[in-house]
Amino acid sequence: MFGLSELAVVLVVVIVVLAVKKGPDLARSAGKSARILKAEKRAAEPPAEPPAEPPAEGGAPRVVRGEVVPPHPDHPRP
């Protein structure tokens, strides 16, 4: 009957023959899947905000809201 080495050679030959037949189709479908995933990821991301433009000369200053933090007791105001 077949030994382990003969079985391994037959298995390698079968894998090579199948890879030659199905290889291009598998690569093509993997590329399509990658493109679809990229497009879906881009669609799921929030749109990028345009960069803020500096105010025009003589224009109103930009108001930035913040929070008031009380001074630390160990560091009094100068």
Protein backbone atom coordinates (compact mmCIF):
# COMPACT_ATOMS: atom_id res chain seq x y z
CA MET A 1 0.00 0.00 0.00
CA PHE A 2 1.05 3.66 0.19
CA GLY A 3 3.54 4.87 2.71
CA LEU A 4 3.46 8.21 4.44
CA SER A 5 5.93 9.83 2.03
CA GLU A 6 3.98 8.73 -1.07
CA LEU A 7 0.75 10.02 0.46
CA ALA A 8 2.42 13.37 1.19
CA VAL A 9 3.67 13.66 -2.41
CA VAL A 10 0.20 12.91 -3.80
CA LEU A 11 -1.34 15.45 -1.42
CA VAL A 12 1.16 18.13 -2.48
CA VAL A 13 0.48 17.44 -6.17
CA VAL A 14 -3.29 17.70 -5.63
CA ILE A 15 -2.89 20.98 -3.74
CA VAL A 16 -0.66 22.43 -6.49
CA VAL A 17 -3.10 21.40 -9.23
CA LEU A 18 -6.05 22.94 -7.38
CA ALA A 19 -4.06 26.10 -6.60
CA VAL A 20 -3.18 26.56 -10.27
CA LYS A 21 -6.83 26.20 -11.31
CA LYS A 22 -8.45 28.23 -8.53
CA GLY A 23 -5.61 30.63 -7.64
CA PRO A 24 -6.52 33.55 -9.93
CA ASP A 25 -10.21 33.34 -8.97
CA LEU A 26 -9.35 33.30 -5.28
CA ALA A 27 -7.02 36.27 -5.64
CA ARG A 28 -9.61 38.21 -7.63
CA SER A 29 -12.37 37.58 -5.09
CA ALA A 30 -10.04 38.51 -2.21
CA GLY A 31 -9.24 41.80 -3.97
CA LYS A 32 -12.92 42.56 -4.50
CA SER A 33 -13.64 41.80 -0.86
CA ALA A 34 -10.84 44.12 0.27
CA ARG A 35 -12.17 46.95 -1.93
CA ILE A 36 -15.70 46.47 -0.58
CA LEU A 37 -14.47 46.51 3.01
CA LYS A 38 -12.48 49.70 2.38
CA ALA A 39 -15.49 51.41 0.84
CA GLU A 40 -17.75 50.38 3.73
CA LYS A 41 -15.19 51.60 6.27
CA ARG A 42 -14.94 54.95 4.51
CA ALA A 43 -18.75 55.24 4.44
CA ALA A 44 -19.01 54.46 8.17
CA GLU A 45 -16.48 57.12 9.22
CA PRO A 46 -17.83 60.57 10.05
CA PRO A 47 -16.98 63.20 7.45
CA ALA A 48 -13.80 65.14 8.10
CA GLU A 49 -14.30 68.73 9.20
CA PRO A 50 -12.63 71.39 7.07
CA PRO A 51 -9.71 73.14 8.77
CA ALA A 52 -10.66 76.22 10.76
CA GLU A 53 -9.89 79.49 9.03
CA PRO A 54 -8.38 82.33 11.05
CA PRO A 55 -10.73 85.26 11.61
CA ALA A 56 -10.49 88.09 9.12
CA GLU A 57 -8.78 91.31 10.19
CA GLY A 58 -11.20 93.42 12.17
CA GLY A 59 -13.61 90.50 12.50
CA ALA A 60 -15.13 89.26 15.72
CA PRO A 61 -12.88 87.08 17.87
CA ARG A 62 -13.69 83.41 18.14
CA VAL A 63 -15.28 82.39 21.46
CA VAL A 64 -13.97 79.24 23.06
CA ARG A 65 -16.02 77.88 25.93
CA GLY A 66 -14.19 76.33 28.85
CA GLU A 67 -14.65 75.54 32.49
CA VAL A 68 -13.68 77.56 35.55
CA VAL A 69 -11.27 75.73 37.84
CA PRO A 70 -10.92 77.05 41.38
CA PRO A 71 -7.34 77.66 42.49
CA HIS A 72 -5.62 74.98 44.51
CA PRO A 73 -5.42 75.90 48.25
CA ASP A 74 -1.67 75.25 48.35
CA HIS A 75 -1.00 77.62 45.43
CA PRO A 76 -2.69 80.95 46.10
CA ARG A 77 -2.83 83.59 43.39
CA PRO A 78 0.14 85.96 43.21
